[in-house]
Amino acid sequence: MASWWDRHGLPRLIKCACSQGQIMKLRSEVVPHARGHVLELGCGGGINMEFYHPDRIASFTGLDPSPELLAMSRAAAARCGIAADIRGGAGEAMPFDNARFDTVVTTFTLCSVTDQAAVLAEIRRVLKPGGTALFLEHGGAPDSGVAKWQRRIEPVWKRIGGNCHLTRPIGDAYAAAGFAVERRGAAYMPRTPRPFGWVEYGAARVAG
C-alpha cells in the first residue's frame, strides 16, 4: 500500500523539481521533435504537453504508474487541446502492440524505473522501423569526483525521490540496448549541485 508521501508528497515534489526554468528550456529543445503516433513514457504531471505540436502528431498516448500524476497529465492535455489516451502502467511491460509508435519520448523517466534495460527493450519493441526515441535524462556524471558523490548520495536519494537513481548511464544505455544514438547535448545544469545536475539529451534509433 502506497504511503501518504508516495501518493501526495512525491507527485508534487516531482512536478515542482522537473518544471524549473532551466529544465523547461531543455524540454523545449527535445519534445517538439515528436512526430506521428507518439508515446510519452512517464507522462505524469503533463509537464511536456505545451511543447508538442498538435499538427505533427497523429495520436498521443501517455503511460505512467502514478494515478495522481496521471490526473495532472490528463488535465494538461485538455488545456492544450490534445486528444490523448493516458493510462496507468509500467515501462517494463507496456500494454501496446509491436511497432505501434513513430516516436517514444522519455524525459527524466529512466532514472526511476525499476529495470532500465527492460524498459529500453520495450521502447525498441513498440517503435516502428525507423522510429525515434527522444530522450532527456539525468544520470551518471563523467567526472570521477562527481560520480563518487553520486554513489554516496544515491541510497538515501532513492528513498526520498521515488526510486530516482543518480548513477545510471543515459546515452550509453540506449547504445547498449541496440540503438544508434545522436547526443544533441550533455552538460551539468546551471545552478544545480553537480551530483544531481548531469543531463544528456538527444535521439536514438534502432541500430541497423
N, C-alpha and C. Protein backbone atom coordinates (compact mmCIF):
# COMPACT_ATOMS: atom_id res chain seq x y z
N MET A 1 0.85 -1.20 0.00
CA MET A 1 0.00 0.00 0.00
C MET A 1 0.88 1.25 0.00
N ALA A 2 0.57 2.19 -0.89
CA ALA A 2 1.39 3.39 -1.00
C ALA A 2 1.26 4.26 0.24
N SER A 3 2.36 4.87 0.64
CA SER A 3 2.34 5.76 1.80
C SER A 3 1.75 7.11 1.42
N TRP A 4 1.47 7.93 2.43
CA TRP A 4 0.98 9.28 2.16
C TRP A 4 1.97 10.04 1.30
N TRP A 5 3.26 9.89 1.59
CA TRP A 5 4.28 10.60 0.82
C TRP A 5 4.25 10.17 -0.64
N ASP A 6 4.14 8.87 -0.90
CA ASP A 6 4.11 8.37 -2.28
C ASP A 6 2.88 8.88 -3.03
N ARG A 7 1.75 8.99 -2.33
CA ARG A 7 0.51 9.36 -3.01
C ARG A 7 0.33 10.86 -3.16
N HIS A 8 0.86 11.65 -2.22
CA HIS A 8 0.58 13.08 -2.23
C HIS A 8 1.85 13.94 -2.29
N GLY A 9 2.83 13.64 -1.45
CA GLY A 9 4.03 14.47 -1.41
C GLY A 9 4.92 14.29 -2.63
N LEU A 10 5.19 13.04 -2.99
CA LEU A 10 6.12 12.77 -4.08
C LEU A 10 5.65 13.33 -5.43
N PRO A 11 4.37 13.13 -5.82
CA PRO A 11 3.95 13.70 -7.10
C PRO A 11 4.16 15.21 -7.18
N ARG A 12 3.91 15.90 -6.09
CA ARG A 12 4.10 17.36 -6.10
C ARG A 12 5.57 17.73 -6.14
N LEU A 13 6.40 16.97 -5.44
CA LEU A 13 7.84 17.20 -5.48
C LEU A 13 8.37 17.01 -6.90
N ILE A 14 7.95 15.92 -7.54
CA ILE A 14 8.41 15.63 -8.90
C ILE A 14 8.01 16.74 -9.86
N LYS A 15 6.74 17.15 -9.79
CA LYS A 15 6.29 18.19 -10.72
C LYS A 15 7.02 19.50 -10.49
N CYS A 16 7.25 19.85 -9.24
CA CYS A 16 7.96 21.10 -8.94
C CYS A 16 9.40 21.02 -9.40
N ALA A 17 10.10 19.94 -9.05
CA ALA A 17 11.52 19.83 -9.38
C ALA A 17 11.75 19.74 -10.88
N CYS A 18 10.82 19.09 -11.60
CA CYS A 18 11.01 18.83 -13.02
C CYS A 18 10.43 19.91 -13.92
N SER A 19 9.95 21.00 -13.33
CA SER A 19 9.41 22.08 -14.14
C SER A 19 10.13 23.40 -13.88
N GLN A 20 11.35 23.33 -13.33
CA GLN A 20 12.16 24.52 -13.16
C GLN A 20 12.52 25.11 -14.53
N GLY A 21 12.81 26.40 -14.55
CA GLY A 21 13.04 27.09 -15.81
C GLY A 21 14.11 26.46 -16.70
N GLN A 22 15.25 26.09 -16.10
CA GLN A 22 16.33 25.53 -16.90
C GLN A 22 15.95 24.17 -17.48
N ILE A 23 15.13 23.41 -16.75
CA ILE A 23 14.68 22.12 -17.25
C ILE A 23 13.64 22.31 -18.35
N MET A 24 12.77 23.28 -18.18
CA MET A 24 11.76 23.54 -19.20
C MET A 24 12.43 23.96 -20.51
N LYS A 25 13.52 24.70 -20.43
CA LYS A 25 14.23 25.09 -21.64
C LYS A 25 14.76 23.85 -22.37
N LEU A 26 15.31 22.90 -21.62
CA LEU A 26 15.78 21.66 -22.24
C LEU A 26 14.63 20.86 -22.84
N ARG A 27 13.52 20.80 -22.14
CA ARG A 27 12.35 20.11 -22.69
C ARG A 27 11.94 20.72 -24.04
N SER A 28 12.03 22.05 -24.12
CA SER A 28 11.61 22.73 -25.35
C SER A 28 12.53 22.41 -26.53
N GLU A 29 13.71 21.87 -26.25
CA GLU A 29 14.64 21.51 -27.31
C GLU A 29 14.50 20.06 -27.74
N VAL A 30 13.75 19.27 -26.98
CA VAL A 30 13.61 17.84 -27.27
C VAL A 30 12.20 17.48 -27.74
N VAL A 31 11.21 17.85 -26.96
CA VAL A 31 9.83 17.37 -27.17
C VAL A 31 9.24 17.79 -28.52
N PRO A 32 9.50 19.01 -29.02
CA PRO A 32 8.87 19.40 -30.29
C PRO A 32 9.26 18.54 -31.49
N HIS A 33 10.28 17.70 -31.36
CA HIS A 33 10.69 16.83 -32.47
C HIS A 33 9.78 15.60 -32.60
N ALA A 34 8.86 15.41 -31.69
CA ALA A 34 7.96 14.25 -31.74
C ALA A 34 7.06 14.34 -32.98
N ARG A 35 6.87 13.19 -33.63
CA ARG A 35 6.08 13.13 -34.85
C ARG A 35 5.21 11.87 -34.87
N GLY A 36 4.13 11.92 -35.63
CA GLY A 36 3.33 10.73 -35.89
C GLY A 36 2.58 10.23 -34.68
N HIS A 37 2.57 8.91 -34.52
CA HIS A 37 1.95 8.28 -33.36
C HIS A 37 2.97 8.31 -32.21
N VAL A 38 2.65 9.05 -31.18
CA VAL A 38 3.61 9.38 -30.13
C VAL A 38 3.23 8.69 -28.82
N LEU A 39 4.22 8.11 -28.17
CA LEU A 39 4.09 7.60 -26.81
C LEU A 39 5.02 8.39 -25.91
N GLU A 40 4.47 8.95 -24.83
CA GLU A 40 5.33 9.54 -23.80
C GLU A 40 5.32 8.61 -22.60
N LEU A 41 6.47 8.06 -22.31
CA LEU A 41 6.64 7.17 -21.17
C LEU A 41 7.05 8.01 -19.96
N GLY A 42 6.27 7.89 -18.89
CA GLY A 42 6.49 8.76 -17.74
C GLY A 42 5.86 10.13 -17.97
N CYS A 43 4.63 10.11 -18.48
CA CYS A 43 3.96 11.36 -18.87
C CYS A 43 3.35 12.09 -17.69
N GLY A 44 3.36 11.48 -16.51
CA GLY A 44 2.68 12.05 -15.36
C GLY A 44 3.05 13.49 -15.08
N GLY A 45 2.06 14.28 -14.74
CA GLY A 45 2.27 15.69 -14.49
C GLY A 45 1.96 16.55 -15.69
N GLY A 46 2.06 15.98 -16.90
CA GLY A 46 1.74 16.72 -18.11
C GLY A 46 2.69 17.87 -18.40
N ILE A 47 3.91 17.81 -17.86
CA ILE A 47 4.84 18.93 -17.98
C ILE A 47 5.24 19.19 -19.42
N ASN A 48 5.29 18.14 -20.25
CA ASN A 48 5.74 18.30 -21.64
C ASN A 48 4.66 18.76 -22.59
N MET A 49 3.41 18.77 -22.17
CA MET A 49 2.30 18.97 -23.10
C MET A 49 2.44 20.25 -23.92
N GLU A 50 2.89 21.31 -23.29
CA GLU A 50 2.94 22.59 -24.00
C GLU A 50 3.95 22.60 -25.14
N PHE A 51 4.84 21.60 -25.18
CA PHE A 51 5.88 21.60 -26.20
C PHE A 51 5.56 20.74 -27.43
N TYR A 52 4.49 19.98 -27.37
CA TYR A 52 4.11 19.19 -28.54
C TYR A 52 3.42 20.08 -29.58
N HIS A 53 3.63 19.76 -30.86
CA HIS A 53 2.93 20.44 -31.94
C HIS A 53 1.77 19.56 -32.39
N PRO A 54 0.54 19.90 -32.04
CA PRO A 54 -0.59 19.04 -32.38
C PRO A 54 -0.70 18.71 -33.86
N ASP A 55 -0.26 19.63 -34.73
CA ASP A 55 -0.37 19.38 -36.16
C ASP A 55 0.63 18.35 -36.66
N ARG A 56 1.60 18.00 -35.84
CA ARG A 56 2.60 17.00 -36.22
C ARG A 56 2.32 15.63 -35.60
N ILE A 57 1.29 15.55 -34.78
CA ILE A 57 1.01 14.33 -34.03
C ILE A 57 -0.27 13.68 -34.55
N ALA A 58 -0.16 12.42 -34.97
CA ALA A 58 -1.34 11.66 -35.42
C ALA A 58 -2.14 11.14 -34.24
N SER A 59 -1.45 10.74 -33.16
CA SER A 59 -2.10 10.30 -31.93
C SER A 59 -1.12 10.46 -30.79
N PHE A 60 -1.66 10.66 -29.59
CA PHE A 60 -0.81 10.81 -28.40
C PHE A 60 -1.25 9.81 -27.35
N THR A 61 -0.29 9.03 -26.86
CA THR A 61 -0.53 8.06 -25.79
C THR A 61 0.45 8.34 -24.67
N GLY A 62 -0.04 8.30 -23.45
CA GLY A 62 0.82 8.50 -22.29
C GLY A 62 0.74 7.33 -21.34
N LEU A 63 1.85 7.02 -20.69
CA LEU A 63 1.91 5.90 -19.74
C LEU A 63 2.67 6.35 -18.51
N ASP A 64 2.10 6.10 -17.32
CA ASP A 64 2.74 6.48 -16.07
C ASP A 64 2.13 5.64 -14.95
N PRO A 65 2.93 5.25 -13.96
CA PRO A 65 2.38 4.42 -12.88
C PRO A 65 1.66 5.19 -11.78
N SER A 66 1.75 6.53 -11.76
CA SER A 66 1.20 7.30 -10.65
C SER A 66 -0.19 7.84 -10.97
N PRO A 67 -1.23 7.39 -10.25
CA PRO A 67 -2.59 7.92 -10.51
C PRO A 67 -2.66 9.43 -10.32
N GLU A 68 -1.97 9.96 -9.32
CA GLU A 68 -2.02 11.39 -9.06
C GLU A 68 -1.39 12.18 -10.21
N LEU A 69 -0.25 11.72 -10.71
CA LEU A 69 0.40 12.41 -11.82
C LEU A 69 -0.38 12.23 -13.12
N LEU A 70 -1.04 11.09 -13.29
CA LEU A 70 -1.85 10.88 -14.49
C LEU A 70 -2.99 11.88 -14.55
N ALA A 71 -3.60 12.17 -13.42
CA ALA A 71 -4.68 13.15 -13.40
C ALA A 71 -4.18 14.52 -13.86
N MET A 72 -2.98 14.90 -13.42
CA MET A 72 -2.39 16.16 -13.86
C MET A 72 -2.14 16.14 -15.36
N SER A 73 -1.67 15.01 -15.87
CA SER A 73 -1.36 14.90 -17.29
C SER A 73 -2.61 15.01 -18.15
N ARG A 74 -3.69 14.36 -17.72
CA ARG A 74 -4.95 14.45 -18.48
C ARG A 74 -5.45 15.90 -18.51
N ALA A 75 -5.34 16.59 -17.39
CA ALA A 75 -5.78 17.99 -17.34
C ALA A 75 -4.92 18.85 -18.26
N ALA A 76 -3.62 18.60 -18.29
CA ALA A 76 -2.73 19.38 -19.16
C ALA A 76 -3.04 19.13 -20.63
N ALA A 77 -3.33 17.88 -21.00
CA ALA A 77 -3.69 17.56 -22.38
C ALA A 77 -4.95 18.29 -22.79
N ALA A 78 -5.94 18.32 -21.89
CA ALA A 78 -7.19 19.01 -22.19
C ALA A 78 -6.96 20.51 -22.39
N ARG A 79 -6.10 21.11 -21.56
CA ARG A 79 -5.82 22.54 -21.69
C ARG A 79 -5.14 22.84 -23.03
N CYS A 80 -4.30 21.92 -23.50
CA CYS A 80 -3.55 22.14 -24.75
C CYS A 80 -4.32 21.68 -25.99
N GLY A 81 -5.51 21.14 -25.79
CA GLY A 81 -6.30 20.70 -26.92
C GLY A 81 -5.77 19.47 -27.61
N ILE A 82 -5.08 18.60 -26.87
CA ILE A 82 -4.52 17.37 -27.43
C ILE A 82 -5.39 16.19 -27.02
N ALA A 83 -5.94 15.50 -28.00
CA ALA A 83 -6.69 14.28 -27.71
C ALA A 83 -5.70 13.20 -27.29
N ALA A 84 -5.85 12.68 -26.10
CA ALA A 84 -4.82 11.82 -25.54
C ALA A 84 -5.41 10.57 -24.90
N ASP A 85 -4.71 9.47 -25.09
CA ASP A 85 -5.00 8.21 -24.39
C ASP A 85 -3.95 8.08 -23.31
N ILE A 86 -4.29 8.46 -22.09
CA ILE A 86 -3.34 8.48 -20.98
C ILE A 86 -3.77 7.44 -19.98
N ARG A 87 -2.87 6.50 -19.70
CA ARG A 87 -3.26 5.36 -18.86
C ARG A 87 -2.14 4.99 -17.89
N GLY A 88 -2.51 4.25 -16.86
CA GLY A 88 -1.54 3.77 -15.89
C GLY A 88 -0.81 2.53 -16.41
N GLY A 89 0.44 2.41 -16.04
CA GLY A 89 1.21 1.24 -16.44
C GLY A 89 2.69 1.46 -16.25
N ALA A 90 3.44 0.38 -16.38
CA ALA A 90 4.89 0.41 -16.17
C ALA A 90 5.62 0.21 -17.49
N GLY A 91 6.77 0.86 -17.60
CA GLY A 91 7.55 0.77 -18.83
C GLY A 91 8.15 -0.59 -19.08
N GLU A 92 8.28 -1.40 -18.03
CA GLU A 92 8.87 -2.72 -18.20
C GLU A 92 7.94 -3.70 -18.91
N ALA A 93 6.65 -3.40 -18.97
CA ALA A 93 5.68 -4.28 -19.63
C ALA A 93 4.58 -3.40 -20.21
N MET A 94 4.86 -2.76 -21.33
CA MET A 94 3.91 -1.82 -21.91
C MET A 94 2.74 -2.55 -22.58
N PRO A 95 1.53 -2.05 -22.39
CA PRO A 95 0.35 -2.72 -22.95
C PRO A 95 0.06 -2.30 -24.39
N PHE A 96 1.10 -2.36 -25.25
CA PHE A 96 0.96 -1.92 -26.62
C PHE A 96 1.52 -2.97 -27.58
N ASP A 97 0.98 -2.99 -28.80
CA ASP A 97 1.46 -3.92 -29.82
C ASP A 97 2.87 -3.56 -30.28
N ASN A 98 3.54 -4.52 -30.88
CA ASN A 98 4.83 -4.27 -31.50
C ASN A 98 4.69 -3.20 -32.59
N ALA A 99 5.75 -2.41 -32.76
CA ALA A 99 5.82 -1.43 -33.86
C ALA A 99 4.58 -0.53 -33.90
N ARG A 100 4.17 -0.04 -32.74
CA ARG A 100 2.94 0.77 -32.64
C ARG A 100 3.21 2.26 -32.86
N PHE A 101 4.40 2.74 -32.46
CA PHE A 101 4.64 4.19 -32.39
C PHE A 101 5.77 4.64 -33.32
N ASP A 102 5.63 5.90 -33.78
CA ASP A 102 6.70 6.54 -34.56
C ASP A 102 7.73 7.19 -33.64
N THR A 103 7.27 7.68 -32.50
CA THR A 103 8.14 8.38 -31.56
C THR A 103 7.82 7.94 -30.14
N VAL A 104 8.86 7.69 -29.36
CA VAL A 104 8.71 7.48 -27.91
C VAL A 104 9.51 8.57 -27.21
N VAL A 105 8.88 9.26 -26.28
CA VAL A 105 9.52 10.36 -25.55
C VAL A 105 9.71 9.95 -24.10
N THR A 106 10.93 10.12 -23.58
CA THR A 106 11.18 9.97 -22.15
C THR A 106 11.95 11.19 -21.66
N THR A 107 11.44 11.83 -20.61
CA THR A 107 12.14 12.96 -20.01
C THR A 107 12.17 12.76 -18.50
N PHE A 108 13.36 12.64 -17.95
CA PHE A 108 13.55 12.41 -16.52
C PHE A 108 12.69 11.24 -16.05
N THR A 109 12.81 10.15 -16.77
CA THR A 109 12.00 8.96 -16.52
C THR A 109 12.85 7.73 -16.22
N LEU A 110 13.91 7.51 -17.00
CA LEU A 110 14.69 6.28 -16.86
C LEU A 110 15.46 6.22 -15.55
N CYS A 111 15.58 7.33 -14.86
CA CYS A 111 16.26 7.34 -13.57
C CYS A 111 15.48 6.57 -12.51
N SER A 112 14.16 6.49 -12.67
CA SER A 112 13.33 5.96 -11.58
C SER A 112 12.62 4.65 -11.91
N VAL A 113 12.77 4.13 -13.13
CA VAL A 113 12.12 2.85 -13.44
C VAL A 113 12.81 1.73 -12.67
N THR A 114 12.11 0.63 -12.51
CA THR A 114 12.67 -0.49 -11.76
C THR A 114 13.80 -1.17 -12.51
N ASP A 115 13.61 -1.39 -13.82
CA ASP A 115 14.59 -2.12 -14.63
C ASP A 115 14.83 -1.33 -15.91
N GLN A 116 15.91 -0.56 -15.93
CA GLN A 116 16.18 0.31 -17.07
C GLN A 116 16.36 -0.48 -18.37
N ALA A 117 17.08 -1.59 -18.33
CA ALA A 117 17.32 -2.38 -19.54
C ALA A 117 16.01 -2.93 -20.10
N ALA A 118 15.12 -3.38 -19.22
CA ALA A 118 13.83 -3.91 -19.68
C ALA A 118 12.99 -2.82 -20.33
N VAL A 119 13.02 -1.61 -19.78
CA VAL A 119 12.27 -0.51 -20.35
C VAL A 119 12.80 -0.16 -21.74
N LEU A 120 14.12 -0.12 -21.89
CA LEU A 120 14.69 0.20 -23.19
C LEU A 120 14.35 -0.88 -24.22
N ALA A 121 14.32 -2.14 -23.80
CA ALA A 121 13.90 -3.21 -24.70
C ALA A 121 12.46 -3.04 -25.13
N GLU A 122 11.61 -2.60 -24.21
CA GLU A 122 10.21 -2.35 -24.54
C GLU A 122 10.07 -1.16 -25.49
N ILE A 123 10.87 -0.13 -25.29
CA ILE A 123 10.84 1.01 -26.21
C ILE A 123 11.19 0.55 -27.62
N ARG A 124 12.21 -0.28 -27.75
CA ARG A 124 12.56 -0.83 -29.06
C ARG A 124 11.40 -1.62 -29.65
N ARG A 125 10.74 -2.40 -28.82
CA ARG A 125 9.66 -3.26 -29.31
C ARG A 125 8.50 -2.45 -29.86
N VAL A 126 8.11 -1.38 -29.16
CA VAL A 126 6.90 -0.65 -29.57
C VAL A 126 7.18 0.40 -30.65
N LEU A 127 8.45 0.68 -30.94
CA LEU A 127 8.77 1.61 -32.01
C LEU A 127 8.63 0.95 -33.38
N LYS A 128 8.12 1.71 -34.33
CA LYS A 128 8.08 1.24 -35.71
C LYS A 128 9.50 1.22 -36.30
N PRO A 129 9.73 0.42 -37.34
CA PRO A 129 11.02 0.51 -38.04
C PRO A 129 11.28 1.95 -38.49
N GLY A 130 12.44 2.46 -38.15
CA GLY A 130 12.75 3.85 -38.46
C GLY A 130 12.24 4.84 -37.44
N GLY A 131 11.58 4.34 -36.39
CA GLY A 131 11.06 5.22 -35.35
C GLY A 131 12.17 5.79 -34.48
N THR A 132 11.80 6.79 -33.68
CA THR A 132 12.78 7.54 -32.89
C THR A 132 12.40 7.57 -31.42
N ALA A 133 13.38 7.35 -30.57
CA ALA A 133 13.23 7.58 -29.13
C ALA A 133 13.90 8.92 -28.81
N LEU A 134 13.13 9.88 -28.34
CA LEU A 134 13.66 11.16 -27.92
C LEU A 134 13.85 11.12 -26.41
N PHE A 135 15.03 11.53 -25.94
CA PHE A 135 15.31 11.42 -24.51
C PHE A 135 15.93 12.69 -23.96
N LEU A 136 15.58 12.97 -22.72
CA LEU A 136 16.21 13.99 -21.88
C LEU A 136 16.25 13.40 -20.49
N GLU A 137 17.42 13.07 -20.03
CA GLU A 137 17.54 12.34 -18.76
C GLU A 137 18.73 12.87 -17.95
N HIS A 138 18.65 12.69 -16.65
CA HIS A 138 19.81 12.95 -15.80
C HIS A 138 20.37 11.61 -15.36
N GLY A 139 21.67 11.58 -15.05
CA GLY A 139 22.26 10.31 -14.67
C GLY A 139 23.71 10.41 -14.29
N GLY A 140 24.42 9.31 -14.50
CA GLY A 140 25.80 9.20 -14.07
C GLY A 140 26.71 10.22 -14.72
N ALA A 141 27.43 10.97 -13.91
CA ALA A 141 28.33 12.01 -14.40
C ALA A 141 29.64 11.42 -14.90
N PRO A 142 30.30 12.09 -15.86
CA PRO A 142 31.55 11.57 -16.41
C PRO A 142 32.77 11.85 -15.53
N ASP A 143 32.65 12.75 -14.57
CA ASP A 143 33.79 13.13 -13.74
C ASP A 143 33.84 12.25 -12.49
N SER A 144 35.00 11.71 -12.21
CA SER A 144 35.12 10.71 -11.14
C SER A 144 34.74 11.27 -9.77
N GLY A 145 35.11 12.52 -9.50
CA GLY A 145 34.77 13.10 -8.21
C GLY A 145 33.28 13.26 -8.02
N VAL A 146 32.60 13.71 -9.07
CA VAL A 146 31.14 13.86 -9.01
C VAL A 146 30.48 12.48 -8.90
N ALA A 147 30.97 11.54 -9.69
CA ALA A 147 30.41 10.19 -9.68
C ALA A 147 30.54 9.55 -8.29
N LYS A 148 31.63 9.84 -7.59
CA LYS A 148 31.81 9.31 -6.24
C LYS A 148 30.72 9.84 -5.30
N TRP A 149 30.41 11.14 -5.41
CA TRP A 149 29.35 11.71 -4.59
C TRP A 149 27.99 11.15 -4.98
N GLN A 150 27.79 10.92 -6.26
CA GLN A 150 26.52 10.31 -6.68
C GLN A 150 26.32 8.95 -6.04
N ARG A 151 27.37 8.16 -5.99
CA ARG A 151 27.26 6.83 -5.38
C ARG A 151 26.97 6.93 -3.89
N ARG A 152 27.53 7.94 -3.23
CA ARG A 152 27.30 8.11 -1.80
C ARG A 152 25.87 8.55 -1.51
N ILE A 153 25.37 9.46 -2.31
CA ILE A 153 24.06 10.06 -2.07
C ILE A 153 22.91 9.15 -2.50
N GLU A 154 23.14 8.36 -3.54
CA GLU A 154 22.05 7.64 -4.19
C GLU A 154 21.19 6.77 -3.25
N PRO A 155 21.75 6.00 -2.32
CA PRO A 155 20.89 5.14 -1.49
C PRO A 155 19.82 5.91 -0.73
N VAL A 156 20.18 7.09 -0.20
CA VAL A 156 19.20 7.91 0.53
C VAL A 156 18.27 8.61 -0.44
N TRP A 157 18.83 9.12 -1.53
CA TRP A 157 18.03 9.86 -2.50
C TRP A 157 16.94 8.99 -3.13
N LYS A 158 17.23 7.73 -3.37
CA LYS A 158 16.22 6.83 -3.95
C LYS A 158 14.99 6.73 -3.07
N ARG A 159 15.20 6.72 -1.74
CA ARG A 159 14.07 6.62 -0.82
C ARG A 159 13.24 7.89 -0.80
N ILE A 160 13.91 9.04 -0.95
CA ILE A 160 13.20 10.32 -0.94
C ILE A 160 12.53 10.58 -2.28
N GLY A 161 13.24 10.25 -3.37
CA GLY A 161 12.84 10.68 -4.71
C GLY A 161 12.14 9.65 -5.56
N GLY A 162 11.43 8.71 -4.95
CA GLY A 162 10.65 7.78 -5.74
C GLY A 162 11.49 6.87 -6.62
N ASN A 163 12.54 6.29 -6.03
CA ASN A 163 13.44 5.36 -6.74
C ASN A 163 14.33 6.06 -7.76
N CYS A 164 14.49 7.36 -7.65
CA CYS A 164 15.34 8.11 -8.58
C CYS A 164 16.80 7.76 -8.34
N HIS A 165 17.46 7.26 -9.40
CA HIS A 165 18.88 6.91 -9.35
C HIS A 165 19.72 8.07 -9.90
N LEU A 166 20.89 8.26 -9.32
CA LEU A 166 21.80 9.31 -9.78
C LEU A 166 22.91 8.76 -10.67
N THR A 167 23.12 7.47 -10.67
CA THR A 167 24.32 6.90 -11.30
C THR A 167 24.06 6.17 -12.61
N ARG A 168 22.83 6.12 -13.07
CA ARG A 168 22.54 5.33 -14.27
C ARG A 168 23.11 5.99 -15.53
N PRO A 169 23.59 5.17 -16.47
CA PRO A 169 24.02 5.72 -17.76
C PRO A 169 22.81 6.19 -18.56
N ILE A 170 23.06 7.04 -19.54
CA ILE A 170 21.96 7.58 -20.34
C ILE A 170 22.16 7.17 -21.80
N GLY A 171 22.93 7.96 -22.56
CA GLY A 171 23.17 7.61 -23.95
C GLY A 171 23.79 6.23 -24.11
N ASP A 172 24.72 5.89 -23.23
CA ASP A 172 25.37 4.58 -23.31
C ASP A 172 24.37 3.45 -23.09
N ALA A 173 23.35 3.69 -22.27
CA ALA A 173 22.33 2.67 -22.03
C ALA A 173 21.51 2.42 -23.29
N TYR A 174 21.17 3.50 -24.00
CA TYR A 174 20.47 3.33 -25.29
C TYR A 174 21.34 2.55 -26.27
N ALA A 175 22.61 2.90 -26.34
CA ALA A 175 23.51 2.21 -27.26
C ALA A 175 23.60 0.72 -26.92
N ALA A 176 23.69 0.40 -25.64
CA ALA A 176 23.76 -1.00 -25.21
C ALA A 176 22.48 -1.76 -25.54
N ALA A 177 21.36 -1.03 -25.65
CA ALA A 177 20.08 -1.67 -25.97
C ALA A 177 19.85 -1.81 -27.47
N GLY A 178 20.84 -1.43 -28.28
CA GLY A 178 20.74 -1.62 -29.72
C GLY A 178 20.29 -0.41 -30.50
N PHE A 179 20.39 0.76 -29.90
CA PHE A 179 20.03 1.99 -30.60
C PHE A 179 21.27 2.69 -31.15
N ALA A 180 21.10 3.39 -32.27
CA ALA A 180 22.10 4.34 -32.74
C ALA A 180 21.76 5.68 -32.11
N VAL A 181 22.68 6.24 -31.36
CA VAL A 181 22.38 7.39 -30.51
C VAL A 181 23.00 8.66 -31.07
N GLU A 182 22.18 9.68 -31.16
CA GLU A 182 22.65 11.02 -31.52
C GLU A 182 22.52 11.90 -30.28
N ARG A 183 23.64 12.14 -29.61
CA ARG A 183 23.61 13.00 -28.43
C ARG A 183 23.64 14.46 -28.90
N ARG A 184 22.57 15.18 -28.60
CA ARG A 184 22.49 16.57 -29.01
C ARG A 184 22.96 17.52 -27.92
N GLY A 185 23.10 17.02 -26.73
CA GLY A 185 23.58 17.84 -25.63
C GLY A 185 23.95 16.99 -24.44
N ALA A 186 24.98 17.39 -23.71
CA ALA A 186 25.40 16.71 -22.49
C ALA A 186 26.17 17.72 -21.64
N ALA A 187 25.66 18.00 -20.44
CA ALA A 187 26.28 19.03 -19.62
C ALA A 187 25.71 18.99 -18.22
N TYR A 188 26.36 19.71 -17.31
CA TYR A 188 25.79 19.94 -15.98
C TYR A 188 24.82 21.11 -16.07
N MET A 189 23.66 20.94 -15.48
CA MET A 189 22.70 22.03 -15.45
C MET A 189 23.22 23.15 -14.56
N PRO A 190 23.05 24.40 -14.96
CA PRO A 190 23.48 25.51 -14.11
C PRO A 190 22.64 25.59 -12.84
N ARG A 191 23.25 26.16 -11.82
CA ARG A 191 22.56 26.40 -10.54
C ARG A 191 22.01 25.12 -9.93
N THR A 192 22.69 24.00 -10.20
CA THR A 192 22.27 22.70 -9.68
C THR A 192 23.50 21.99 -9.12
N PRO A 193 23.43 21.44 -7.91
CA PRO A 193 24.57 20.67 -7.40
C PRO A 193 24.95 19.58 -8.39
N ARG A 194 26.23 19.45 -8.66
CA ARG A 194 26.67 18.56 -9.74
C ARG A 194 26.22 17.11 -9.59
N PRO A 195 26.16 16.54 -8.41
CA PRO A 195 25.68 15.16 -8.33
C PRO A 195 24.26 14.97 -8.85
N PHE A 196 23.47 16.06 -8.88
CA PHE A 196 22.10 15.98 -9.36
C PHE A 196 21.94 16.57 -10.76
N GLY A 197 23.02 17.12 -11.32
CA GLY A 197 22.86 18.00 -12.46
C GLY A 197 23.32 17.52 -13.81
N TRP A 198 23.92 16.31 -13.92
CA TRP A 198 24.39 15.87 -15.23
C TRP A 198 23.21 15.41 -16.09
N VAL A 199 23.04 16.02 -17.27
CA VAL A 199 21.94 15.66 -18.17
C VAL A 199 22.49 15.37 -19.57
N GLU A 200 21.81 14.49 -20.26
CA GLU A 200 22.07 14.21 -21.66
C GLU A 200 20.74 14.20 -22.39
N TYR A 201 20.75 14.70 -23.63
CA TYR A 201 19.53 14.63 -24.41
C TYR A 201 19.87 14.41 -25.88
N GLY A 202 18.91 13.85 -26.59
CA GLY A 202 19.13 13.56 -28.00
C GLY A 202 18.08 12.63 -28.55
N ALA A 203 18.47 11.89 -29.59
CA ALA A 203 17.57 10.97 -30.27
C ALA A 203 18.25 9.62 -30.42
N ALA A 204 17.48 8.57 -30.39
CA ALA A 204 18.01 7.22 -30.53
C ALA A 204 17.12 6.43 -31.51
N ARG A 205 17.77 5.74 -32.45
CA ARG A 205 17.04 4.94 -33.42
C ARG A 205 17.56 3.51 -33.38
N VAL A 206 16.72 2.58 -33.72
CA VAL A 206 17.15 1.18 -33.67
C VAL A 206 18.30 0.99 -34.65
N ALA A 207 19.41 0.50 -34.15
CA ALA A 207 20.60 0.33 -34.98
C ALA A 207 20.35 -0.69 -36.07
N GLY A 208 20.91 -0.42 -37.26
CA GLY A 208 20.77 -1.35 -38.37
C GLY A 208 19.51 -1.16 -39.15
